[in-house]
Amino acid sequence: MSQFNAKYKFTEEWFDIMIPVWSELFKDHYKTPIKSVLEIGCYEGRATIWLCENVLSNQQVSNYDVVDTFGGTVTESGMVGTVDRLNDDKSFIKSNFEHNISFFQDKIPFNLHQGYSQHELPKLVEQGNQYDFIYIDASHQSDDTFVDGYFAHKMLKPGGLIIFDDFGWKDPKKPHENCSPEVGIRLFFSLYSENYQPLFVNYQIGAIKTI
């Protein structure tokens, strides 16, 4: 049974397997106030809405930046339903996302940056943006995921939280290591091992930036 109100528009439930992990994380392990958020890859906003309802509802959020192409993907195995919907209506992802966040826009200032993350993130770095929480759930390519992490590292505040999605995801039809995020995420934490304290490792990886 869905934990989300029927007023929201969703076609996928990919995030739901992480709800118990996030619930425990924000209840017992990470209680630092979150005033600024960067979400890299949002799809229809299922993680966004969970965060708004369960973590940010009592916070004084100054900005919530979202980077996404809002175009979905047709390159990964297991995306048949999404591809079919995109063929029928290429705007449904952004439309659903905007509908879903509309219930929070009086309290949370969302800023949508539509485009590829490797183009949009350098702009945010140049603007001097800094964040308390960064969630990375965009491309499933290892090289792309590392690049997202690279720019995220520059913008995450000391004491801030970073979560990479899809660490445990494998493309069943594309075994090459660049066709899943794992190698890119491992490389990120190898290069920045002195900067992060791991919080959990399962399908996702979460860590606190220490320095």
N, C-alpha and C. Protein backbone atom coordinates (compact mmCIF):
# COMPACT_ATOMS: atom_id res chain seq x y z
N MET A 1 0.84 -1.20 0.00
CA MET A 1 0.00 0.00 0.00
C MET A 1 0.88 1.25 0.00
N SER A 2 0.57 2.20 -0.86
CA SER A 2 1.38 3.39 -0.98
C SER A 2 1.30 4.25 0.28
N GLN A 3 2.44 4.86 0.63
CA GLN A 3 2.47 5.78 1.75
C GLN A 3 2.17 7.21 1.32
N PHE A 4 1.85 7.41 0.05
CA PHE A 4 1.65 8.74 -0.48
C PHE A 4 0.17 9.03 -0.71
N ASN A 5 -0.22 10.26 -0.44
CA ASN A 5 -1.60 10.70 -0.65
C ASN A 5 -1.97 10.61 -2.13
N ALA A 6 -3.21 10.29 -2.38
CA ALA A 6 -3.69 10.12 -3.75
C ALA A 6 -3.69 11.44 -4.54
N LYS A 7 -3.49 12.57 -3.86
CA LYS A 7 -3.47 13.85 -4.57
C LYS A 7 -2.23 14.00 -5.46
N TYR A 8 -1.19 13.21 -5.17
CA TYR A 8 0.02 13.28 -5.96
C TYR A 8 -0.12 12.46 -7.25
N LYS A 9 0.68 12.83 -8.24
CA LYS A 9 0.68 12.11 -9.52
C LYS A 9 2.00 11.36 -9.68
N PHE A 10 1.93 10.04 -9.59
CA PHE A 10 3.10 9.19 -9.76
C PHE A 10 2.77 8.04 -10.71
N THR A 11 3.74 7.64 -11.49
CA THR A 11 3.57 6.45 -12.32
C THR A 11 4.54 5.34 -11.91
N GLU A 12 5.53 5.68 -11.06
CA GLU A 12 6.53 4.70 -10.61
C GLU A 12 6.68 4.76 -9.10
N GLU A 13 7.14 3.66 -8.51
CA GLU A 13 7.34 3.59 -7.07
C GLU A 13 8.77 3.20 -6.72
N TRP A 14 9.73 3.58 -7.56
CA TRP A 14 11.11 3.15 -7.38
C TRP A 14 11.68 3.53 -6.02
N PHE A 15 11.32 4.70 -5.51
CA PHE A 15 11.91 5.19 -4.26
C PHE A 15 11.45 4.42 -3.03
N ASP A 16 10.31 3.76 -3.11
CA ASP A 16 9.65 3.24 -1.91
C ASP A 16 10.47 2.22 -1.14
N ILE A 17 11.35 1.48 -1.81
CA ILE A 17 12.16 0.50 -1.09
C ILE A 17 13.13 1.16 -0.12
N MET A 18 13.38 2.46 -0.31
CA MET A 18 14.32 3.17 0.56
C MET A 18 13.64 3.89 1.70
N ILE A 19 12.33 3.92 1.74
CA ILE A 19 11.63 4.66 2.79
C ILE A 19 12.01 4.19 4.19
N PRO A 20 12.07 2.89 4.48
CA PRO A 20 12.49 2.48 5.83
C PRO A 20 13.90 2.96 6.18
N VAL A 21 14.80 2.94 5.19
CA VAL A 21 16.18 3.38 5.44
C VAL A 21 16.22 4.87 5.72
N TRP A 22 15.55 5.65 4.90
CA TRP A 22 15.53 7.10 5.11
C TRP A 22 14.82 7.46 6.41
N SER A 23 13.76 6.74 6.74
CA SER A 23 13.04 7.02 7.98
C SER A 23 13.96 6.85 9.18
N GLU A 24 14.71 5.75 9.21
CA GLU A 24 15.64 5.51 10.31
C GLU A 24 16.78 6.53 10.29
N LEU A 25 17.29 6.83 9.09
CA LEU A 25 18.39 7.77 8.95
C LEU A 25 18.06 9.12 9.56
N PHE A 26 16.94 9.69 9.16
CA PHE A 26 16.60 11.03 9.61
C PHE A 26 16.02 11.06 11.03
N LYS A 27 15.58 9.92 11.51
CA LYS A 27 15.07 9.85 12.88
C LYS A 27 16.19 9.66 13.89
N ASP A 28 17.16 8.80 13.55
CA ASP A 28 18.14 8.37 14.55
C ASP A 28 19.58 8.76 14.27
N HIS A 29 19.93 9.04 13.01
CA HIS A 29 21.34 9.18 12.67
C HIS A 29 21.73 10.54 12.11
N TYR A 30 20.82 11.25 11.51
CA TYR A 30 21.16 12.55 10.94
C TYR A 30 20.08 13.55 11.32
N LYS A 31 20.41 14.38 12.30
CA LYS A 31 19.44 15.33 12.83
C LYS A 31 19.86 16.78 12.62
N THR A 32 20.90 16.98 11.81
CA THR A 32 21.35 18.33 11.50
C THR A 32 20.28 19.07 10.70
N PRO A 33 19.97 20.31 11.05
CA PRO A 33 18.97 21.07 10.28
C PRO A 33 19.35 21.16 8.80
N ILE A 34 18.36 21.01 7.94
CA ILE A 34 18.57 21.09 6.49
C ILE A 34 17.89 22.35 5.98
N LYS A 35 18.69 23.31 5.56
CA LYS A 35 18.16 24.58 5.06
C LYS A 35 18.27 24.69 3.54
N SER A 36 19.15 23.88 2.96
CA SER A 36 19.33 23.95 1.51
C SER A 36 19.53 22.54 0.96
N VAL A 37 18.86 22.27 -0.17
CA VAL A 37 18.86 20.94 -0.77
C VAL A 37 19.19 21.04 -2.25
N LEU A 38 19.97 20.07 -2.73
CA LEU A 38 20.20 19.91 -4.17
C LEU A 38 19.83 18.48 -4.52
N GLU A 39 18.90 18.34 -5.44
CA GLU A 39 18.50 17.02 -5.91
C GLU A 39 18.89 16.90 -7.38
N ILE A 40 19.76 15.95 -7.68
CA ILE A 40 20.25 15.75 -9.03
C ILE A 40 19.54 14.53 -9.59
N GLY A 41 18.53 14.76 -10.40
CA GLY A 41 17.67 13.70 -10.89
C GLY A 41 16.49 13.51 -9.96
N CYS A 42 15.31 13.88 -10.42
CA CYS A 42 14.13 13.84 -9.54
C CYS A 42 13.01 12.98 -10.09
N TYR A 43 12.98 12.74 -11.38
CA TYR A 43 11.87 12.08 -12.05
C TYR A 43 10.56 12.77 -11.67
N GLU A 44 9.58 12.06 -11.12
CA GLU A 44 8.30 12.69 -10.77
C GLU A 44 8.28 13.26 -9.35
N GLY A 45 9.39 13.09 -8.62
CA GLY A 45 9.48 13.71 -7.31
C GLY A 45 9.04 12.85 -6.14
N ARG A 46 9.12 11.54 -6.27
CA ARG A 46 8.67 10.70 -5.15
C ARG A 46 9.58 10.87 -3.93
N ALA A 47 10.89 10.89 -4.14
CA ALA A 47 11.81 11.16 -3.03
C ALA A 47 11.65 12.59 -2.54
N THR A 48 11.43 13.51 -3.47
CA THR A 48 11.23 14.92 -3.12
C THR A 48 10.07 15.08 -2.16
N ILE A 49 8.95 14.47 -2.50
CA ILE A 49 7.74 14.60 -1.69
C ILE A 49 7.92 13.94 -0.34
N TRP A 50 8.56 12.77 -0.31
CA TRP A 50 8.80 12.12 0.98
C TRP A 50 9.63 13.03 1.87
N LEU A 51 10.68 13.63 1.30
CA LEU A 51 11.54 14.52 2.07
C LEU A 51 10.77 15.73 2.58
N CYS A 52 9.95 16.31 1.72
CA CYS A 52 9.16 17.48 2.11
C CYS A 52 8.20 17.15 3.25
N GLU A 53 7.56 16.01 3.15
CA GLU A 53 6.56 15.64 4.16
C GLU A 53 7.18 15.21 5.48
N ASN A 54 8.30 14.51 5.42
CA ASN A 54 8.82 13.83 6.61
C ASN A 54 10.04 14.47 7.24
N VAL A 55 10.74 15.33 6.51
CA VAL A 55 11.96 15.92 7.04
C VAL A 55 11.90 17.45 7.02
N LEU A 56 11.46 18.02 5.91
CA LEU A 56 11.54 19.46 5.73
C LEU A 56 10.34 20.23 6.24
N SER A 57 9.30 19.53 6.65
CA SER A 57 8.06 20.20 7.05
C SER A 57 8.27 21.13 8.24
N ASN A 58 9.25 20.83 9.09
CA ASN A 58 9.53 21.68 10.26
C ASN A 58 10.86 22.42 10.14
N GLN A 59 11.40 22.49 8.94
CA GLN A 59 12.67 23.17 8.71
C GLN A 59 12.42 24.52 8.03
N GLN A 60 13.39 25.41 8.19
CA GLN A 60 13.34 26.70 7.50
C GLN A 60 14.20 26.59 6.24
N VAL A 61 13.59 26.06 5.18
CA VAL A 61 14.34 25.79 3.95
C VAL A 61 14.51 27.08 3.15
N SER A 62 15.76 27.39 2.82
CA SER A 62 16.04 28.61 2.07
C SER A 62 16.02 28.39 0.57
N ASN A 63 16.42 27.20 0.11
CA ASN A 63 16.33 26.88 -1.31
C ASN A 63 16.39 25.38 -1.52
N TYR A 64 15.69 24.96 -2.55
CA TYR A 64 15.66 23.55 -2.94
C TYR A 64 15.88 23.53 -4.45
N ASP A 65 17.11 23.23 -4.86
CA ASP A 65 17.45 23.22 -6.27
C ASP A 65 17.29 21.81 -6.83
N VAL A 66 16.71 21.72 -8.01
CA VAL A 66 16.46 20.44 -8.67
C VAL A 66 17.05 20.49 -10.07
N VAL A 67 17.87 19.50 -10.41
CA VAL A 67 18.46 19.41 -11.75
C VAL A 67 17.94 18.14 -12.41
N ASP A 68 17.34 18.27 -13.57
CA ASP A 68 16.83 17.11 -14.30
C ASP A 68 16.58 17.51 -15.74
N THR A 69 16.73 16.54 -16.64
CA THR A 69 16.37 16.81 -18.04
C THR A 69 14.86 16.78 -18.22
N PHE A 70 14.16 16.09 -17.31
CA PHE A 70 12.73 15.83 -17.41
C PHE A 70 12.37 15.14 -18.72
N GLY A 71 13.35 14.39 -19.23
CA GLY A 71 13.13 13.67 -20.47
C GLY A 71 13.15 12.17 -20.32
N GLY A 72 13.41 11.68 -19.08
CA GLY A 72 13.48 10.24 -18.89
C GLY A 72 14.68 9.67 -19.62
N THR A 73 14.67 8.36 -19.81
CA THR A 73 15.74 7.70 -20.53
C THR A 73 15.20 6.53 -21.32
N VAL A 74 15.79 6.30 -22.46
CA VAL A 74 15.38 5.15 -23.27
C VAL A 74 16.56 4.21 -23.47
N THR A 75 17.64 4.42 -22.72
CA THR A 75 18.87 3.67 -22.95
C THR A 75 19.07 2.53 -21.98
N GLU A 76 18.26 2.45 -20.92
CA GLU A 76 18.49 1.44 -19.89
C GLU A 76 17.47 0.32 -19.97
N SER A 77 17.91 -0.88 -19.71
CA SER A 77 17.00 -2.03 -19.70
C SER A 77 16.02 -1.89 -18.54
N GLY A 78 14.84 -2.43 -18.71
CA GLY A 78 13.83 -2.39 -17.66
C GLY A 78 13.02 -1.11 -17.63
N MET A 79 13.13 -0.27 -18.66
CA MET A 79 12.44 1.02 -18.69
C MET A 79 11.27 1.01 -19.67
N VAL A 80 10.72 -0.17 -19.95
CA VAL A 80 9.72 -0.28 -21.01
C VAL A 80 8.50 0.58 -20.73
N GLY A 81 7.98 0.53 -19.52
CA GLY A 81 6.79 1.31 -19.19
C GLY A 81 7.02 2.79 -19.35
N THR A 82 8.17 3.27 -18.89
CA THR A 82 8.50 4.68 -19.01
C THR A 82 8.65 5.08 -20.47
N VAL A 83 9.30 4.25 -21.25
CA VAL A 83 9.48 4.55 -22.68
C VAL A 83 8.13 4.65 -23.38
N ASP A 84 7.22 3.74 -23.07
CA ASP A 84 5.89 3.78 -23.67
C ASP A 84 5.17 5.08 -23.31
N ARG A 85 5.26 5.48 -22.05
CA ARG A 85 4.59 6.72 -21.63
C ARG A 85 5.23 7.94 -22.28
N LEU A 86 6.55 7.93 -22.43
CA LEU A 86 7.23 9.05 -23.08
C LEU A 86 6.85 9.15 -24.55
N ASN A 87 6.63 8.01 -25.18
CA ASN A 87 6.20 8.03 -26.57
C ASN A 87 4.81 8.65 -26.71
N ASP A 88 3.98 8.47 -25.69
CA ASP A 88 2.63 9.03 -25.71
C ASP A 88 2.61 10.50 -25.30
N ASP A 89 3.45 10.85 -24.32
CA ASP A 89 3.43 12.21 -23.79
C ASP A 89 4.81 12.53 -23.21
N LYS A 90 5.61 13.27 -23.93
CA LYS A 90 6.98 13.55 -23.50
C LYS A 90 7.05 14.53 -22.34
N SER A 91 5.93 15.15 -21.98
CA SER A 91 5.95 16.17 -20.93
C SER A 91 5.45 15.65 -19.58
N PHE A 92 5.09 14.37 -19.49
CA PHE A 92 4.42 13.93 -18.27
C PHE A 92 5.33 13.96 -17.04
N ILE A 93 6.63 13.75 -17.21
CA ILE A 93 7.53 13.73 -16.05
C ILE A 93 7.57 15.10 -15.39
N LYS A 94 7.84 16.14 -16.17
CA LYS A 94 7.91 17.48 -15.59
C LYS A 94 6.54 17.92 -15.09
N SER A 95 5.49 17.60 -15.84
CA SER A 95 4.14 17.97 -15.43
C SER A 95 3.78 17.35 -14.08
N ASN A 96 4.08 16.07 -13.92
CA ASN A 96 3.79 15.40 -12.65
C ASN A 96 4.63 15.97 -11.52
N PHE A 97 5.91 16.24 -11.81
CA PHE A 97 6.78 16.80 -10.77
C PHE A 97 6.26 18.16 -10.31
N GLU A 98 5.94 19.02 -11.25
CA GLU A 98 5.46 20.36 -10.88
C GLU A 98 4.14 20.29 -10.13
N HIS A 99 3.28 19.37 -10.52
CA HIS A 99 2.04 19.17 -9.77
C HIS A 99 2.34 18.75 -8.34
N ASN A 100 3.25 17.81 -8.17
CA ASN A 100 3.53 17.26 -6.84
C ASN A 100 4.15 18.29 -5.90
N ILE A 101 5.10 19.08 -6.39
CA ILE A 101 5.74 20.06 -5.51
C ILE A 101 4.85 21.28 -5.27
N SER A 102 3.79 21.43 -6.06
CA SER A 102 2.90 22.59 -5.89
C SER A 102 2.28 22.65 -4.51
N PHE A 103 2.18 21.50 -3.85
CA PHE A 103 1.58 21.46 -2.52
C PHE A 103 2.52 22.00 -1.44
N PHE A 104 3.78 22.29 -1.81
CA PHE A 104 4.75 22.75 -0.83
C PHE A 104 5.38 24.09 -1.19
N GLN A 105 5.00 24.66 -2.32
CA GLN A 105 5.69 25.85 -2.80
C GLN A 105 5.45 27.09 -1.96
N ASP A 106 4.46 27.06 -1.08
CA ASP A 106 4.26 28.19 -0.18
C ASP A 106 5.26 28.19 0.97
N LYS A 107 5.93 27.05 1.19
CA LYS A 107 6.89 26.92 2.28
C LYS A 107 8.31 26.63 1.81
N ILE A 108 8.43 26.00 0.66
CA ILE A 108 9.75 25.59 0.18
C ILE A 108 10.02 26.23 -1.18
N PRO A 109 11.08 27.03 -1.30
CA PRO A 109 11.39 27.69 -2.57
C PRO A 109 12.14 26.76 -3.53
N PHE A 110 11.40 26.15 -4.43
CA PHE A 110 11.99 25.25 -5.43
C PHE A 110 12.55 26.04 -6.60
N ASN A 111 13.70 25.59 -7.10
CA ASN A 111 14.30 26.16 -8.31
C ASN A 111 14.61 25.02 -9.25
N LEU A 112 13.97 24.98 -10.41
CA LEU A 112 14.16 23.90 -11.36
C LEU A 112 15.19 24.31 -12.41
N HIS A 113 16.18 23.44 -12.61
CA HIS A 113 17.23 23.66 -13.60
C HIS A 113 17.14 22.52 -14.60
N GLN A 114 16.49 22.78 -15.72
CA GLN A 114 16.24 21.73 -16.70
C GLN A 114 17.42 21.61 -17.65
N GLY A 115 18.02 20.43 -17.67
CA GLY A 115 19.16 20.18 -18.54
C GLY A 115 19.98 19.05 -17.98
N TYR A 116 21.04 18.70 -18.69
CA TYR A 116 21.93 17.64 -18.23
C TYR A 116 22.77 18.16 -17.06
N SER A 117 22.97 17.28 -16.09
CA SER A 117 23.65 17.71 -14.87
C SER A 117 25.07 18.21 -15.14
N GLN A 118 25.77 17.61 -16.11
CA GLN A 118 27.13 18.06 -16.38
C GLN A 118 27.18 19.47 -16.94
N HIS A 119 26.02 19.96 -17.40
CA HIS A 119 25.93 21.35 -17.86
C HIS A 119 25.41 22.28 -16.77
N GLU A 120 24.47 21.80 -15.97
CA GLU A 120 23.81 22.66 -14.99
C GLU A 120 24.60 22.78 -13.69
N LEU A 121 25.26 21.70 -13.26
CA LEU A 121 25.97 21.75 -11.97
C LEU A 121 27.12 22.75 -11.96
N PRO A 122 27.93 22.85 -13.03
CA PRO A 122 28.99 23.88 -13.00
C PRO A 122 28.44 25.30 -12.81
N LYS A 123 27.24 25.55 -13.32
CA LYS A 123 26.63 26.87 -13.13
C LYS A 123 26.35 27.12 -11.66
N LEU A 124 25.86 26.09 -10.96
CA LEU A 124 25.57 26.23 -9.53
C LEU A 124 26.86 26.42 -8.73
N VAL A 125 27.92 25.72 -9.14
CA VAL A 125 29.22 25.91 -8.49
C VAL A 125 29.71 27.34 -8.68
N GLU A 126 29.60 27.84 -9.91
CA GLU A 126 30.06 29.19 -10.22
C GLU A 126 29.29 30.23 -9.43
N GLN A 127 28.01 29.96 -9.16
CA GLN A 127 27.18 30.88 -8.37
C GLN A 127 27.52 30.83 -6.88
N GLY A 128 28.35 29.89 -6.48
CA GLY A 128 28.74 29.78 -5.07
C GLY A 128 27.73 29.07 -4.20
N ASN A 129 26.85 28.27 -4.79
CA ASN A 129 25.83 27.59 -4.02
C ASN A 129 26.44 26.55 -3.08
N GLN A 130 25.84 26.45 -1.89
CA GLN A 130 26.26 25.47 -0.89
C GLN A 130 25.00 24.79 -0.33
N TYR A 131 25.12 23.50 -0.02
CA TYR A 131 23.94 22.73 0.38
C TYR A 131 24.20 21.89 1.63
N ASP A 132 23.13 21.67 2.36
CA ASP A 132 23.16 20.80 3.55
C ASP A 132 22.89 19.35 3.18
N PHE A 133 22.16 19.13 2.10
CA PHE A 133 21.81 17.77 1.67
C PHE A 133 21.82 17.72 0.15
N ILE A 134 22.54 16.74 -0.39
CA ILE A 134 22.56 16.52 -1.84
C ILE A 134 22.20 15.06 -2.11
N TYR A 135 21.22 14.89 -2.99
CA TYR A 135 20.76 13.55 -3.37
C TYR A 135 21.02 13.36 -4.85
N ILE A 136 21.76 12.30 -5.19
CA ILE A 136 22.16 12.06 -6.58
C ILE A 136 21.44 10.83 -7.12
N ASP A 137 20.57 11.06 -8.09
CA ASP A 137 19.76 9.98 -8.67
C ASP A 137 19.48 10.32 -10.13
N ALA A 138 20.54 10.54 -10.89
CA ALA A 138 20.37 10.95 -12.29
C ALA A 138 20.78 9.81 -13.21
N SER A 139 21.83 10.01 -13.98
CA SER A 139 22.29 8.99 -14.92
C SER A 139 22.71 7.72 -14.19
N HIS A 140 22.54 6.58 -14.85
CA HIS A 140 22.99 5.30 -14.32
C HIS A 140 24.35 4.88 -14.90
N GLN A 141 25.00 5.80 -15.60
CA GLN A 141 26.35 5.55 -16.10
C GLN A 141 27.36 5.89 -15.00
N SER A 142 28.38 5.06 -14.85
CA SER A 142 29.37 5.31 -13.80
C SER A 142 30.10 6.63 -13.99
N ASP A 143 30.49 6.95 -15.23
CA ASP A 143 31.24 8.18 -15.43
C ASP A 143 30.38 9.40 -15.12
N ASP A 144 29.12 9.37 -15.56
CA ASP A 144 28.20 10.47 -15.25
C ASP A 144 28.00 10.61 -13.75
N THR A 145 27.84 9.48 -13.07
CA THR A 145 27.59 9.51 -11.63
C THR A 145 28.78 10.09 -10.88
N PHE A 146 29.99 9.73 -11.31
CA PHE A 146 31.17 10.31 -10.67
C PHE A 146 31.21 11.82 -10.90
N VAL A 147 30.91 12.27 -12.11
CA VAL A 147 30.92 13.71 -12.40
C VAL A 147 29.90 14.43 -11.53
N ASP A 148 28.71 13.85 -11.39
CA ASP A 148 27.71 14.44 -10.49
C ASP A 148 28.26 14.54 -9.07
N GLY A 149 28.91 13.48 -8.61
CA GLY A 149 29.49 13.49 -7.28
C GLY A 149 30.60 14.52 -7.14
N TYR A 150 31.41 14.66 -8.18
CA TYR A 150 32.51 15.64 -8.18
C TYR A 150 31.98 17.05 -7.93
N PHE A 151 30.96 17.44 -8.68
CA PHE A 151 30.42 18.78 -8.49
C PHE A 151 29.65 18.89 -7.16
N ALA A 152 28.98 17.81 -6.77
CA ALA A 152 28.27 17.81 -5.49
C ALA A 152 29.24 18.03 -4.34
N HIS A 153 30.39 17.38 -4.40
CA HIS A 153 31.41 17.52 -3.35
C HIS A 153 31.81 18.97 -3.16
N LYS A 154 31.93 19.70 -4.26
CA LYS A 154 32.32 21.10 -4.19
C LYS A 154 31.26 21.96 -3.50
N MET A 155 30.01 21.51 -3.55
CA MET A 155 28.92 22.34 -3.03
C MET A 155 28.33 21.86 -1.70
N LEU A 156 28.74 20.69 -1.23
CA LEU A 156 28.20 20.17 0.03
C LEU A 156 28.95 20.80 1.20
N LYS A 157 28.21 21.33 2.15
CA LYS A 157 28.81 21.95 3.32
C LYS A 157 29.43 20.90 4.24
N PRO A 158 30.48 21.24 4.97
CA PRO A 158 30.96 20.33 6.02
C PRO A 158 29.83 20.02 7.00
N GLY A 159 29.66 18.77 7.31
CA GLY A 159 28.53 18.35 8.13
C GLY A 159 27.31 18.00 7.33
N GLY A 160 27.38 18.25 6.01
CA GLY A 160 26.24 17.98 5.14
C GLY A 160 26.15 16.50 4.78
N LEU A 161 24.99 16.14 4.28
CA LEU A 161 24.67 14.75 3.93
C LEU A 161 24.62 14.58 2.43
N ILE A 162 25.24 13.50 1.93
CA ILE A 162 25.14 13.14 0.52
C ILE A 162 24.62 11.71 0.42
N ILE A 163 23.71 11.48 -0.51
CA ILE A 163 23.20 10.14 -0.77
C ILE A 163 23.27 9.88 -2.27
N PHE A 164 23.89 8.76 -2.63
CA PHE A 164 23.89 8.29 -4.01
C PHE A 164 22.86 7.17 -4.13
N ASP A 165 21.96 7.30 -5.08
CA ASP A 165 21.01 6.23 -5.37
C ASP A 165 21.64 5.21 -6.31
N ASP A 166 21.03 4.03 -6.38
CA ASP A 166 21.33 3.01 -7.40
C ASP A 166 22.73 2.42 -7.30
N PHE A 167 23.36 2.46 -6.13
CA PHE A 167 24.65 1.80 -5.95
C PHE A 167 24.52 0.30 -6.23
N GLY A 168 23.36 -0.26 -5.91
CA GLY A 168 23.15 -1.69 -6.11
C GLY A 168 22.46 -2.05 -7.40
N TRP A 169 22.27 -1.08 -8.30
CA TRP A 169 21.54 -1.35 -9.55
C TRP A 169 22.49 -1.85 -10.63
N LYS A 170 22.05 -2.86 -11.36
CA LYS A 170 22.79 -3.37 -12.51
C LYS A 170 21.85 -3.43 -13.71
N ASP A 171 22.33 -3.02 -14.85
CA ASP A 171 21.56 -3.17 -16.08
C ASP A 171 21.66 -4.63 -16.52
N PRO A 172 20.54 -5.36 -16.51
CA PRO A 172 20.61 -6.80 -16.80
C PRO A 172 21.07 -7.13 -18.21
N LYS A 173 21.00 -6.19 -19.12
CA LYS A 173 21.38 -6.47 -20.50
C LYS A 173 22.68 -5.80 -20.91
N LYS A 174 23.28 -5.04 -19.98
CA LYS A 174 24.52 -4.32 -20.31
C LYS A 174 25.51 -4.52 -19.16
N PRO A 175 26.31 -5.59 -19.21
CA PRO A 175 27.19 -5.92 -18.09
C PRO A 175 28.42 -5.03 -17.95
N HIS A 176 28.73 -4.20 -18.93
CA HIS A 176 29.92 -3.36 -18.82
C HIS A 176 29.82 -2.48 -17.58
N GLU A 177 30.93 -2.33 -16.87
CA GLU A 177 30.90 -1.65 -15.57
C GLU A 177 30.50 -0.19 -15.67
N ASN A 178 30.62 0.43 -16.84
CA ASN A 178 30.18 1.81 -16.96
C ASN A 178 28.67 1.93 -17.12
N CYS A 179 27.97 0.80 -17.25
CA CYS A 179 26.52 0.82 -17.45
C CYS A 179 25.74 0.69 -16.16
N SER A 180 26.41 0.91 -15.04
CA SER A 180 25.75 1.02 -13.74
C SER A 180 26.55 1.99 -12.89
N PRO A 181 25.96 2.59 -11.85
CA PRO A 181 26.65 3.66 -11.11
C PRO A 181 27.74 3.19 -10.16
N GLU A 182 27.83 1.90 -9.86
CA GLU A 182 28.67 1.43 -8.75
C GLU A 182 30.12 1.88 -8.85
N VAL A 183 30.75 1.70 -10.00
CA VAL A 183 32.17 2.03 -10.12
C VAL A 183 32.40 3.53 -9.92
N GLY A 184 31.51 4.34 -10.47
CA GLY A 184 31.64 5.79 -10.29
C GLY A 184 31.50 6.20 -8.84
N ILE A 185 30.60 5.56 -8.12
CA ILE A 185 30.40 5.87 -6.70
C ILE A 185 31.59 5.40 -5.88
N ARG A 186 32.09 4.21 -6.19
CA ARG A 186 33.28 3.71 -5.47
C ARG A 186 34.48 4.63 -5.71
N LEU A 187 34.64 5.10 -6.94
CA LEU A 187 35.74 6.01 -7.25
C LEU A 187 35.60 7.30 -6.45
N PHE A 188 34.38 7.82 -6.36
CA PHE A 188 34.14 9.04 -5.59
C PHE A 188 34.60 8.88 -4.15
N PHE A 189 34.17 7.81 -3.50
CA PHE A 189 34.52 7.64 -2.09
C PHE A 189 35.97 7.22 -1.91
N SER A 190 36.60 6.66 -2.93
CA SER A 190 38.02 6.37 -2.86
C SER A 190 38.84 7.65 -2.90
N LEU A 191 38.49 8.54 -3.81
CA LEU A 191 39.24 9.79 -3.94
C LEU A 191 39.00 10.73 -2.76
N TYR A 192 37.79 10.70 -2.21
CA TYR A 192 37.44 11.63 -1.13
C TYR A 192 37.25 10.90 0.20
N SER A 193 37.98 9.82 0.39
CA SER A 193 37.79 9.00 1.60
C SER A 193 38.05 9.78 2.88
N GLU A 194 38.95 10.75 2.83
CA GLU A 194 39.26 11.54 4.02
C GLU A 194 38.17 12.56 4.33
N ASN A 195 37.27 12.77 3.39
CA ASN A 195 36.27 13.82 3.57
C ASN A 195 34.92 13.32 4.04
N TYR A 196 34.72 12.00 4.07
CA TYR A 196 33.37 11.48 4.33
C TYR A 196 33.35 10.37 5.37
N GLN A 197 32.31 10.41 6.18
CA GLN A 197 32.03 9.35 7.14
C GLN A 197 30.80 8.60 6.67
N PRO A 198 30.93 7.33 6.27
CA PRO A 198 29.77 6.57 5.79
C PRO A 198 28.70 6.41 6.87
N LEU A 199 27.45 6.49 6.46
CA LEU A 199 26.33 6.28 7.35
C LEU A 199 25.62 4.96 7.08
N PHE A 200 25.46 4.63 5.81
CA PHE A 200 24.84 3.36 5.44
C PHE A 200 25.25 2.98 4.03
N VAL A 201 25.25 1.68 3.77
CA VAL A 201 25.53 1.15 2.44
C VAL A 201 24.57 0.00 2.19
N ASN A 202 23.72 0.15 1.20
CA ASN A 202 22.85 -0.93 0.74
C ASN A 202 22.58 -0.68 -0.74
N TYR A 203 21.35 -0.56 -1.11
CA TYR A 203 21.06 -0.19 -2.51
C TYR A 203 21.54 1.23 -2.79
N GLN A 204 21.56 2.06 -1.74
CA GLN A 204 22.09 3.40 -1.81
C GLN A 204 23.30 3.51 -0.89
N ILE A 205 24.00 4.63 -0.98
CA ILE A 205 25.09 4.95 -0.06
C ILE A 205 24.85 6.35 0.47
N GLY A 206 24.92 6.49 1.79
CA GLY A 206 24.80 7.79 2.42
C GLY A 206 26.02 8.08 3.27
N ALA A 207 26.48 9.33 3.28
CA ALA A 207 27.67 9.70 4.04
C ALA A 207 27.58 11.16 4.46
N ILE A 208 28.30 11.49 5.54
CA ILE A 208 28.41 12.87 6.02
C ILE A 208 29.76 13.42 5.60
N LYS A 209 29.76 14.65 5.10
CA LYS A 209 31.02 15.31 4.77
C LYS A 209 31.64 15.86 6.05
N THR A 210 32.82 15.38 6.37
CA THR A 210 33.45 15.78 7.63
C THR A 210 34.33 17.02 7.47
N ILE A 211 35.00 17.14 6.31
CA ILE A 211 35.86 18.30 6.07
C ILE A 211 35.73 18.72 4.60
